[in-house]
Amino acid sequence: MNKTNRVYLAGPFFSENQIKRLNEIQKLLEANPTIGDVFRPGDDEYTAAEFGSFEWQTAVYKHDINNINNSDVVVAMLDYKIEENELEPDSGTMWECGYAVANNVPVIGVRNVEDEPLNLMLAGSLTAFFNGAESIKQIKDYDFNKLMTRYENVKVL
């Protein structure tokens, strides 16, 4: 029987469009037979302290770190404020990618904006990259047990 992997779905969730993009990725992942569980930061809110307080910050940080550590793979949404033409990925998502790679958790990148260059360090850290809306649809068939390297033709800076 195939192993079903736990995914940490990283990405910005600060606007309706960002949440919509993450929802679309989650649906594709949930349709993938090699995926068992999808964790999304922000879904389990820490309510024991005031939002933004030091206690809240510490609890959220540790909760997210624990969930990266307990995941088989990170899938990172690299789109940010694309509606505002801000195409650089979200800094928190990039940090999560770096932390995952440093802790031997593979990172899969997904991005709707396909004509933009990708940072060399980020590109080099990806096990697989799904670049563009049509490419992203293929993630539902990607074998997360084999984690085959998957490249896209993208300019790297």
C-alpha atoms as a PDB file:
ATOM      1  CA  MET A   1       0.000   0.000   0.000  1.00  0.00           C
ATOM      2  CA  ASN A   2       1.195   3.490  -0.779  1.00  0.00           C
ATOM      3  CA  LYS A   3       2.137   5.764   2.062  1.00  0.00           C
ATOM      4  CA  THR A   4      -0.108   8.773   2.439  1.00  0.00           C
ATOM      5  CA  ASN A   5       1.944  11.857   3.150  1.00  0.00           C
ATOM      6  CA  ARG A   6       1.291  14.768   5.454  1.00  0.00           C
ATOM      7  CA  VAL A   7       1.593  18.148   3.700  1.00  0.00           C
ATOM      8  CA  TYR A   8       2.327  21.500   5.297  1.00  0.00           C
ATOM      9  CA  LEU A   9       0.633  23.933   2.888  1.00  0.00           C
ATOM     10  CA  ALA A  10       2.596  27.173   3.157  1.00  0.00           C
ATOM     11  CA  GLY A  11       1.448  30.415   1.612  1.00  0.00           C
ATOM     12  CA  PRO A  12      -0.017  33.811   2.357  1.00  0.00           C
ATOM     13  CA  PHE A  13      -3.603  33.889   3.603  1.00  0.00           C
ATOM     14  CA  PHE A  14      -4.100  37.640   4.122  1.00  0.00           C
ATOM     15  CA  SER A  15      -6.660  38.298   1.363  1.00  0.00           C
ATOM     16  CA  GLU A  16      -9.636  36.548  -0.215  1.00  0.00           C
ATOM     17  CA  ASN A  17      -7.650  35.862  -3.400  1.00  0.00           C
ATOM     18  CA  GLN A  18      -4.740  34.349  -1.468  1.00  0.00           C
ATOM     19  CA  ILE A  19      -7.114  32.104   0.485  1.00  0.00           C
ATOM     20  CA  LYS A  20      -8.859  31.125  -2.757  1.00  0.00           C
ATOM     21  CA  ARG A  21      -5.519  30.085  -4.316  1.00  0.00           C
ATOM     22  CA  LEU A  22      -4.635  28.009  -1.230  1.00  0.00           C
ATOM     23  CA  ASN A  23      -8.096  26.403  -1.265  1.00  0.00           C
ATOM     24  CA  GLU A  24      -7.555  25.387  -4.899  1.00  0.00           C
ATOM     25  CA  ILE A  25      -4.186  23.809  -4.079  1.00  0.00           C
ATOM     26  CA  GLN A  26      -5.672  22.006  -1.078  1.00  0.00           C
ATOM     27  CA  LYS A  27      -8.445  20.521  -3.251  1.00  0.00           C
ATOM     28  CA  LEU A  28      -5.870  19.231  -5.743  1.00  0.00           C
ATOM     29  CA  LEU A  29      -3.766  17.776  -2.927  1.00  0.00           C
ATOM     30  CA  GLU A  30      -6.792  16.100  -1.358  1.00  0.00           C
ATOM     31  CA  ALA A  31      -7.526  14.474  -4.739  1.00  0.00           C
ATOM     32  CA  ASN A  32      -4.001  13.005  -4.796  1.00  0.00           C
ATOM     33  CA  PRO A  33      -3.945   9.396  -3.535  1.00  0.00           C
ATOM     34  CA  THR A  34      -0.434   9.850  -2.050  1.00  0.00           C
ATOM     35  CA  ILE A  35      -1.643  12.648   0.270  1.00  0.00           C
ATOM     36  CA  GLY A  36      -3.269  11.862   3.599  1.00  0.00           C
ATOM     37  CA  ASP A  37      -3.429  15.084   5.581  1.00  0.00           C
ATOM     38  CA  VAL A  38      -3.008  18.772   4.723  1.00  0.00           C
ATOM     39  CA  PHE A  39      -2.024  21.208   7.489  1.00  0.00           C
ATOM     40  CA  ARG A  40      -2.627  24.919   6.838  1.00  0.00           C
ATOM     41  CA  PRO A  41      -1.098  27.553   9.096  1.00  0.00           C
ATOM     42  CA  GLY A  42      -3.784  29.875  10.366  1.00  0.00           C
ATOM     43  CA  ASP A  43      -6.509  27.225  10.359  1.00  0.00           C
ATOM     44  CA  ASP A  44      -6.030  26.377  14.039  1.00  0.00           C
ATOM     45  CA  GLU A  45      -6.082  29.766  15.710  1.00  0.00           C
ATOM     46  CA  TYR A  46      -4.384  30.305  19.056  1.00  0.00           C
ATOM     47  CA  THR A  47      -7.053  31.918  21.232  1.00  0.00           C
ATOM     48  CA  ALA A  48      -5.495  31.770  24.718  1.00  0.00           C
ATOM     49  CA  ALA A  49      -3.869  35.176  24.203  1.00  0.00           C
ATOM     50  CA  GLU A  50      -4.641  38.421  22.406  1.00  0.00           C
ATOM     51  CA  PHE A  51      -3.927  38.406  18.668  1.00  0.00           C
ATOM     52  CA  GLY A  52      -0.489  39.910  18.047  1.00  0.00           C
ATOM     53  CA  SER A  53       0.669  39.675  21.679  1.00  0.00           C
ATOM     54  CA  PHE A  54       4.051  38.134  22.458  1.00  0.00           C
ATOM     55  CA  GLU A  55       2.358  34.997  23.823  1.00  0.00           C
ATOM     56  CA  TRP A  56       0.275  34.694  20.650  1.00  0.00           C
ATOM     57  CA  GLN A  57       3.349  35.221  18.407  1.00  0.00           C
ATOM     58  CA  THR A  58       5.365  32.598  20.286  1.00  0.00           C
ATOM     59  CA  ALA A  59       2.539  30.053  20.278  1.00  0.00           C
ATOM     60  CA  VAL A  60       1.796  30.486  16.556  1.00  0.00           C
ATOM     61  CA  TYR A  61       5.506  30.285  15.637  1.00  0.00           C
ATOM     62  CA  LYS A  62       6.041  27.106  17.661  1.00  0.00           C
ATOM     63  CA  HIS A  63       2.820  25.542  16.367  1.00  0.00           C
ATOM     64  CA  ASP A  64       3.869  26.122  12.763  1.00  0.00           C
ATOM     65  CA  ILE A  65       7.419  24.847  13.379  1.00  0.00           C
ATOM     66  CA  ASN A  66       6.048  21.700  15.036  1.00  0.00           C
ATOM     67  CA  ASN A  67       3.828  21.103  12.030  1.00  0.00           C
ATOM     68  CA  ILE A  68       6.654  21.533   9.518  1.00  0.00           C
ATOM     69  CA  ASN A  69       8.705  19.085  11.588  1.00  0.00           C
ATOM     70  CA  ASN A  70       5.820  16.597  11.574  1.00  0.00           C
ATOM     71  CA  SER A  71       5.116  16.845   7.850  1.00  0.00           C
ATOM     72  CA  ASP A  72       6.537  14.736   5.050  1.00  0.00           C
ATOM     73  CA  VAL A  73       6.632  17.624   2.592  1.00  0.00           C
ATOM     74  CA  VAL A  74       5.988  21.363   2.340  1.00  0.00           C
ATOM     75  CA  VAL A  75       3.933  22.620  -0.591  1.00  0.00           C
ATOM     76  CA  ALA A  76       4.577  26.347  -0.915  1.00  0.00           C
ATOM     77  CA  MET A  77       2.346  28.825  -2.754  1.00  0.00           C
ATOM     78  CA  LEU A  78       4.828  31.292  -4.239  1.00  0.00           C
ATOM     79  CA  ASP A  79       2.222  33.818  -5.399  1.00  0.00           C
ATOM     80  CA  TYR A  80       1.688  36.731  -3.057  1.00  0.00           C
ATOM     81  CA  LYS A  81      -0.105  39.986  -3.898  1.00  0.00           C
ATOM     82  CA  ILE A  82      -0.344  39.262  -7.613  1.00  0.00           C
ATOM     83  CA  GLU A  83      -3.522  41.352  -7.947  1.00  0.00           C
ATOM     84  CA  GLU A  84      -1.436  44.345  -6.819  1.00  0.00           C
ATOM     85  CA  ASN A  85       1.460  43.352  -9.115  1.00  0.00           C
ATOM     86  CA  GLU A  86       3.602  42.419  -6.079  1.00  0.00           C
ATOM     87  CA  LEU A  87       5.209  39.287  -7.447  1.00  0.00           C
ATOM     88  CA  GLU A  88       7.916  38.568  -4.865  1.00  0.00           C
ATOM     89  CA  PRO A  89       6.822  35.578  -2.734  1.00  0.00           C
ATOM     90  CA  ASP A  90       5.614  36.154   0.828  1.00  0.00           C
ATOM     91  CA  SER A  91       8.532  36.431   3.273  1.00  0.00           C
ATOM     92  CA  GLY A  92       6.948  34.087   5.827  1.00  0.00           C
ATOM     93  CA  THR A  93       6.436  31.429   3.174  1.00  0.00           C
ATOM     94  CA  MET A  94      10.055  31.794   2.055  1.00  0.00           C
ATOM     95  CA  TRP A  95      11.224  31.391   5.651  1.00  0.00           C
ATOM     96  CA  GLU A  96       9.126  28.219   5.976  1.00  0.00           C
ATOM     97  CA  CYS A  97      10.730  26.875   2.775  1.00  0.00           C
ATOM     98  CA  GLY A  98      14.232  27.563   4.078  1.00  0.00           C
ATOM     99  CA  TYR A  99      13.462  26.013   7.454  1.00  0.00           C
ATOM    100  CA  ALA A 100      11.999  22.916   5.784  1.00  0.00           C
ATOM    101  CA  VAL A 101      15.007  22.427   3.499  1.00  0.00           C
ATOM    102  CA  ALA A 102      17.413  22.908   6.405  1.00  0.00           C
ATOM    103  CA  ASN A 103      15.520  20.180   8.277  1.00  0.00           C
ATOM    104  CA  ASN A 104      15.385  17.726   5.347  1.00  0.00           C
ATOM    105  CA  VAL A 105      11.700  18.262   4.583  1.00  0.00           C
ATOM    106  CA  PRO A 106      11.254  18.417   0.778  1.00  0.00           C
ATOM    107  CA  VAL A 107       9.637  21.549  -0.684  1.00  0.00           C
ATOM    108  CA  ILE A 108       7.311  21.626  -3.674  1.00  0.00           C
ATOM    109  CA  GLY A 109       6.686  25.072  -5.200  1.00  0.00           C
ATOM    110  CA  VAL A 110       3.480  26.185  -6.923  1.00  0.00           C
ATOM    111  CA  ARG A 111       2.979  29.508  -8.663  1.00  0.00           C
ATOM    112  CA  ASN A 112       0.272  30.905 -10.959  1.00  0.00           C
ATOM    113  CA  VAL A 113       2.392  33.752 -12.363  1.00  0.00           C
ATOM    114  CA  GLU A 114       4.557  31.840 -14.795  1.00  0.00           C
ATOM    115  CA  ASP A 115       6.482  34.574 -16.626  1.00  0.00           C
ATOM    116  CA  GLU A 116       8.360  35.945 -13.617  1.00  0.00           C
ATOM    117  CA  PRO A 117      11.903  34.925 -12.660  1.00  0.00           C
ATOM    118  CA  LEU A 118      12.514  32.917  -9.514  1.00  0.00           C
ATOM    119  CA  ASN A 119      15.219  33.567  -6.942  1.00  0.00           C
ATOM    120  CA  LEU A 120      18.152  31.155  -7.333  1.00  0.00           C
ATOM    121  CA  MET A 121      18.158  30.065  -3.683  1.00  0.00           C
ATOM    122  CA  LEU A 122      14.438  29.363  -3.753  1.00  0.00           C
ATOM    123  CA  ALA A 123      14.612  27.592  -7.130  1.00  0.00           C
ATOM    124  CA  GLY A 124      17.523  25.467  -5.912  1.00  0.00           C
ATOM    125  CA  SER A 125      15.627  24.388  -2.814  1.00  0.00           C
ATOM    126  CA  LEU A 126      12.595  23.006  -4.664  1.00  0.00           C
ATOM    127  CA  THR A 127      12.207  19.280  -5.226  1.00  0.00           C
ATOM    128  CA  ALA A 128       9.470  19.983  -7.748  1.00  0.00           C
ATOM    129  CA  PHE A 129       7.991  23.135  -9.244  1.00  0.00           C
ATOM    130  CA  PHE A 130       4.539  23.595 -10.752  1.00  0.00           C
ATOM    131  CA  ASN A 131       4.675  26.916 -12.611  1.00  0.00           C
ATOM    132  CA  GLY A 132       1.443  28.285 -14.064  1.00  0.00           C
ATOM    133  CA  ALA A 133      -2.234  27.453 -13.638  1.00  0.00           C
ATOM    134  CA  GLU A 134      -2.180  24.500 -16.056  1.00  0.00           C
ATOM    135  CA  SER A 135       0.969  23.072 -14.495  1.00  0.00           C
ATOM    136  CA  ILE A 136      -0.484  23.381 -10.982  1.00  0.00           C
ATOM    137  CA  LYS A 137      -3.392  21.105 -11.934  1.00  0.00           C
ATOM    138  CA  GLN A 138      -0.860  18.295 -12.377  1.00  0.00           C
ATOM    139  CA  ILE A 139      -0.051  18.278  -8.656  1.00  0.00           C
ATOM    140  CA  LYS A 140      -3.063  16.011  -8.095  1.00  0.00           C
ATOM    141  CA  ASP A 141      -1.174  13.300 -10.034  1.00  0.00           C
ATOM    142  CA  TYR A 142       2.307  13.935  -8.618  1.00  0.00           C
ATOM    143  CA  ASP A 143       3.675  10.967  -6.664  1.00  0.00           C
ATOM    144  CA  PHE A 144       4.551  12.341  -3.228  1.00  0.00           C
ATOM    145  CA  ASN A 145       5.995   8.941  -2.317  1.00  0.00           C
ATOM    146  CA  LYS A 146       8.645   9.114  -5.048  1.00  0.00           C
ATOM    147  CA  LEU A 147       9.215  12.913  -4.936  1.00  0.00           C
ATOM    148  CA  MET A 148      10.632  12.952  -8.454  1.00  0.00           C
ATOM    149  CA  THR A 149      12.505  16.132  -9.301  1.00  0.00           C
ATOM    150  CA  ARG A 150      10.327  18.269 -11.550  1.00  0.00           C
ATOM    151  CA  TYR A 151      11.707  21.296 -13.333  1.00  0.00           C
ATOM    152  CA  GLU A 152       9.956  24.123 -15.142  1.00  0.00           C
ATOM    153  CA  ASN A 153      11.459  26.385 -17.771  1.00  0.00           C
ATOM    154  CA  VAL A 154      11.805  29.534 -15.687  1.00  0.00           C
ATOM    155  CA  LYS A 155      14.363  32.320 -15.550  1.00  0.00           C
ATOM    156  CA  VAL A 156      16.379  32.223 -12.336  1.00  0.00           C
ATOM    157  CA  LEU A 157      17.990  35.285 -10.737  1.00  0.00           C
END
